[in-house]
N, C-alpha and C. Protein backbone atom coordinates (compact mmCIF):
# COMPACT_ATOMS: atom_id res chain seq x y z
N MET A 1 -118.92 61.54 176.55
CA MET A 1 -118.18 61.68 177.90
C MET A 1 -118.11 60.38 178.71
N ALA A 2 -119.30 59.57 178.72
CA ALA A 2 -119.36 58.49 179.51
C ALA A 2 -118.35 57.39 178.98
N ILE A 3 -118.23 57.29 177.64
CA ILE A 3 -117.46 56.33 176.96
C ILE A 3 -116.06 56.86 177.20
N GLU A 4 -115.62 58.10 177.25
CA GLU A 4 -114.21 58.43 177.36
C GLU A 4 -113.86 58.15 178.92
N THR A 5 -114.66 58.37 179.78
CA THR A 5 -114.40 57.89 181.14
C THR A 5 -114.17 56.64 181.30
N LEU A 6 -114.84 55.59 180.66
CA LEU A 6 -114.66 54.21 180.69
C LEU A 6 -113.29 53.94 180.05
N LYS A 7 -113.04 54.48 179.08
CA LYS A 7 -111.62 54.19 178.40
C LYS A 7 -110.33 54.75 179.29
N LYS A 8 -110.74 55.56 179.95
CA LYS A 8 -109.75 56.21 180.87
C LYS A 8 -109.43 55.22 182.12
N GLY A 9 -110.32 54.18 182.21
CA GLY A 9 -110.11 53.25 183.52
C GLY A 9 -110.79 53.78 184.86
N ALA A 10 -111.80 54.39 184.60
CA ALA A 10 -112.58 54.91 185.78
C ALA A 10 -113.13 53.66 186.59
N THR A 11 -113.15 53.73 188.00
CA THR A 11 -113.90 52.67 188.59
C THR A 11 -115.47 52.66 188.49
N VAL A 12 -116.11 51.57 188.67
CA VAL A 12 -117.63 51.39 188.52
C VAL A 12 -118.30 52.58 189.01
N SER A 13 -118.04 52.83 190.31
CA SER A 13 -118.88 53.74 191.10
C SER A 13 -118.44 55.27 190.44
N GLN A 14 -117.27 55.41 189.95
CA GLN A 14 -117.05 56.63 189.25
C GLN A 14 -117.59 56.59 187.85
N ARG A 15 -117.75 55.56 187.08
CA ARG A 15 -118.51 55.54 186.00
C ARG A 15 -119.90 55.75 186.10
N LEU A 16 -120.42 55.26 187.05
CA LEU A 16 -121.99 55.27 187.36
C LEU A 16 -122.31 56.76 187.71
N SER A 17 -121.30 57.45 188.66
CA SER A 17 -121.73 58.75 189.00
C SER A 17 -121.61 59.87 187.72
N ARG A 18 -120.76 59.52 186.96
CA ARG A 18 -120.65 60.34 185.81
C ARG A 18 -121.64 59.97 184.68
N LEU A 19 -121.85 58.96 184.62
CA LEU A 19 -122.92 58.51 183.54
C LEU A 19 -124.21 59.21 183.63
N VAL A 20 -124.86 59.17 184.87
CA VAL A 20 -126.22 59.82 184.71
C VAL A 20 -126.21 61.35 184.44
N PRO A 21 -125.21 62.15 184.81
CA PRO A 21 -125.11 63.44 184.43
C PRO A 21 -124.85 63.59 183.12
N SER A 22 -124.06 62.55 182.38
CA SER A 22 -123.92 62.73 180.89
C SER A 22 -125.21 62.39 180.09
N VAL A 23 -125.82 61.42 180.64
CA VAL A 23 -127.00 61.04 179.96
C VAL A 23 -128.03 62.32 179.93
N HIS A 24 -128.25 62.94 181.04
CA HIS A 24 -129.14 64.02 181.23
C HIS A 24 -128.55 65.20 180.35
N ARG A 25 -127.40 65.42 180.35
CA ARG A 25 -126.92 66.52 179.54
C ARG A 25 -127.05 66.18 178.04
N ALA A 26 -126.86 64.99 177.58
CA ALA A 26 -127.08 64.55 176.21
C ALA A 26 -128.71 64.61 175.81
N LEU A 27 -129.49 64.10 176.77
CA LEU A 27 -131.05 64.36 176.55
C LEU A 27 -131.34 65.82 176.40
N ARG A 28 -130.81 66.65 177.35
CA ARG A 28 -131.11 68.22 177.32
C ARG A 28 -130.74 68.70 175.82
N GLU A 29 -129.53 68.37 175.55
CA GLU A 29 -128.90 68.96 174.19
C GLU A 29 -129.73 68.32 173.01
N ALA A 30 -130.11 67.17 173.02
CA ALA A 30 -131.06 66.63 172.03
C ALA A 30 -132.36 67.39 171.96
N GLU A 31 -133.08 67.51 173.20
CA GLU A 31 -134.14 68.22 173.22
C GLU A 31 -134.05 69.85 172.73
N VAL A 32 -133.04 70.42 173.23
CA VAL A 32 -132.79 71.89 172.63
C VAL A 32 -132.66 71.88 171.02
N GLN A 33 -131.96 70.68 170.50
CA GLN A 33 -131.81 70.67 169.22
C GLN A 33 -133.21 70.37 168.29
N HIS A 34 -133.91 69.60 168.98
CA HIS A 34 -135.33 69.40 168.23
C HIS A 34 -136.04 70.63 168.42
N GLU A 35 -136.14 71.30 169.51
CA GLU A 35 -136.96 72.64 169.66
C GLU A 35 -136.43 73.52 168.57
N ARG A 36 -135.09 73.62 168.45
CA ARG A 36 -134.57 74.42 167.34
C ARG A 36 -135.26 74.12 165.91
N ARG A 37 -135.20 72.98 165.69
CA ARG A 37 -135.55 72.50 164.46
C ARG A 37 -137.10 72.73 164.21
N ARG A 38 -137.90 72.65 165.26
CA ARG A 38 -139.26 72.87 165.28
C ARG A 38 -139.39 74.26 165.14
N ALA A 39 -138.64 75.05 165.76
CA ALA A 39 -138.84 76.51 165.69
C ALA A 39 -138.45 77.12 164.28
N GLU A 40 -137.46 76.41 163.62
CA GLU A 40 -137.06 76.88 162.35
C GLU A 40 -138.19 76.48 161.26
N GLU A 41 -138.77 75.37 161.40
CA GLU A 41 -139.87 74.91 160.69
C GLU A 41 -141.01 75.91 160.82
N ARG A 42 -141.37 76.12 162.01
CA ARG A 42 -142.42 77.23 162.22
C ARG A 42 -142.15 78.56 161.53
N ARG A 43 -140.84 79.04 161.70
CA ARG A 43 -140.41 80.34 161.03
C ARG A 43 -140.61 80.21 159.74
N ARG A 44 -140.25 79.02 158.99
CA ARG A 44 -140.32 78.80 157.57
C ARG A 44 -141.90 78.91 157.10
N GLN A 45 -142.83 78.13 157.72
CA GLN A 45 -144.02 78.26 157.47
C GLN A 45 -144.68 79.45 157.57
N THR A 46 -144.41 80.27 158.69
CA THR A 46 -145.03 81.66 158.85
C THR A 46 -144.45 82.43 157.84
N TYR A 47 -143.21 82.40 157.10
CA TYR A 47 -142.67 83.05 156.13
C TYR A 47 -143.45 82.82 154.96
N GLU A 48 -143.86 81.55 154.72
CA GLU A 48 -144.29 81.36 153.58
C GLU A 48 -145.76 81.55 153.52
N GLN A 49 -146.66 81.77 154.72
CA GLN A 49 -147.87 82.22 154.80
C GLN A 49 -147.92 83.64 154.47
N LEU A 50 -147.05 84.27 155.02
CA LEU A 50 -146.82 85.63 154.94
C LEU A 50 -146.61 86.27 153.32
N ARG A 51 -145.71 85.35 152.70
CA ARG A 51 -145.37 85.64 151.27
C ARG A 51 -146.80 85.33 150.44
N ALA A 52 -147.45 84.16 150.86
CA ALA A 52 -148.56 84.06 150.08
C ALA A 52 -149.86 85.08 150.38
N LEU A 53 -149.79 85.65 151.35
CA LEU A 53 -150.68 86.49 151.80
C LEU A 53 -150.41 88.04 151.12
N SER A 54 -149.13 88.11 151.16
CA SER A 54 -148.71 89.46 150.32
C SER A 54 -149.03 89.40 148.78
N VAL A 55 -148.77 88.06 148.25
CA VAL A 55 -149.12 88.06 146.95
C VAL A 55 -150.68 88.09 146.52
N HIS A 56 -151.47 87.53 147.69
CA HIS A 56 -152.81 87.62 147.41
C HIS A 56 -153.29 89.11 147.46
N LEU A 57 -152.72 89.84 148.44
CA LEU A 57 -153.08 91.25 148.73
C LEU A 57 -152.70 92.06 147.57
N GLN A 58 -151.76 91.91 146.77
CA GLN A 58 -151.37 92.63 145.65
C GLN A 58 -152.38 92.30 144.54
N TYR A 59 -152.73 91.14 144.51
CA TYR A 59 -153.71 90.61 143.29
C TYR A 59 -155.09 91.39 143.67
N VAL A 60 -155.41 91.46 145.03
CA VAL A 60 -156.80 91.97 145.30
C VAL A 60 -156.50 93.56 145.16
N ARG A 61 -155.52 94.21 145.48
CA ARG A 61 -155.38 95.71 144.97
C ARG A 61 -155.37 95.87 143.51
N GLU A 62 -154.97 95.19 142.70
CA GLU A 62 -155.00 95.32 141.34
C GLU A 62 -156.43 94.98 140.77
N GLU A 63 -157.05 94.07 141.35
CA GLU A 63 -158.38 93.84 140.72
C GLU A 63 -159.22 95.07 141.20
N GLU A 64 -158.89 95.42 142.23
CA GLU A 64 -159.88 96.85 142.81
C GLU A 64 -159.60 98.00 141.94
N ARG A 65 -158.20 98.27 141.56
CA ARG A 65 -157.87 99.19 140.50
C ARG A 65 -158.53 99.08 139.44
N ILE A 66 -158.64 97.77 138.78
CA ILE A 66 -159.32 97.65 137.62
C ILE A 66 -160.83 97.77 137.54
N HIS A 67 -161.33 97.35 138.66
CA HIS A 67 -162.68 97.71 138.87
C HIS A 67 -163.15 99.22 138.91
N ILE A 68 -162.30 99.94 139.67
CA ILE A 68 -162.55 101.32 139.67
C ILE A 68 -162.39 102.09 138.52
N ALA A 69 -161.34 101.53 137.73
CA ALA A 69 -160.82 102.32 136.56
C ALA A 69 -162.13 102.15 135.31
N ARG A 70 -162.81 100.76 135.51
CA ARG A 70 -163.77 100.53 134.62
C ARG A 70 -164.96 101.42 134.99
N GLU A 71 -165.26 101.54 136.38
CA GLU A 71 -166.61 102.26 136.78
C GLU A 71 -166.20 103.80 136.42
N VAL A 72 -165.05 104.19 136.53
CA VAL A 72 -164.84 105.61 136.19
C VAL A 72 -165.05 105.71 134.63
N HIS A 73 -164.61 104.82 133.80
CA HIS A 73 -164.60 104.82 132.41
C HIS A 73 -166.12 104.90 132.06
N ASP A 74 -166.86 103.95 132.51
CA ASP A 74 -168.22 103.83 132.14
C ASP A 74 -168.98 105.09 132.64
N GLU A 75 -168.58 105.60 133.74
CA GLU A 75 -169.49 106.93 134.19
C GLU A 75 -169.09 107.95 133.29
N LEU A 76 -167.80 108.16 132.84
CA LEU A 76 -167.33 109.19 131.90
C LEU A 76 -168.04 109.01 130.42
N ALA A 77 -168.21 107.85 129.97
CA ALA A 77 -168.68 107.36 128.97
C ALA A 77 -170.23 107.77 128.81
N SER A 78 -170.91 107.51 129.88
CA SER A 78 -172.30 107.64 130.07
C SER A 78 -172.65 109.17 129.87
N ARG A 79 -171.85 109.93 130.72
CA ARG A 79 -171.93 111.44 130.61
C ARG A 79 -171.64 112.03 129.49
N SER A 80 -170.62 111.59 128.61
CA SER A 80 -170.27 112.03 127.16
C SER A 80 -171.49 111.69 126.31
N ARG A 81 -172.27 110.68 126.71
CA ARG A 81 -173.25 110.40 125.72
C ARG A 81 -174.52 111.35 126.04
N ASP A 82 -174.93 111.83 127.21
CA ASP A 82 -175.92 112.67 127.47
C ASP A 82 -175.88 113.86 126.97
């Protein structure tokens, strides 16, 4: 915006009065973009952590099922021998 103002032949005082708000707006927009990128990265990391946790939980459940099945099998086998 500042460059466009200069191209249109604004006076020095007009250029300066418009330059400061333009720079502030550009800085705010850059900060917003940066925050969006950081938020997206945090969201992606959280998603990956949840996915890994879900996989681990499924593994633990399956291991527990196997353990219980073996205990039941061993218990039934020992009763049938008695």
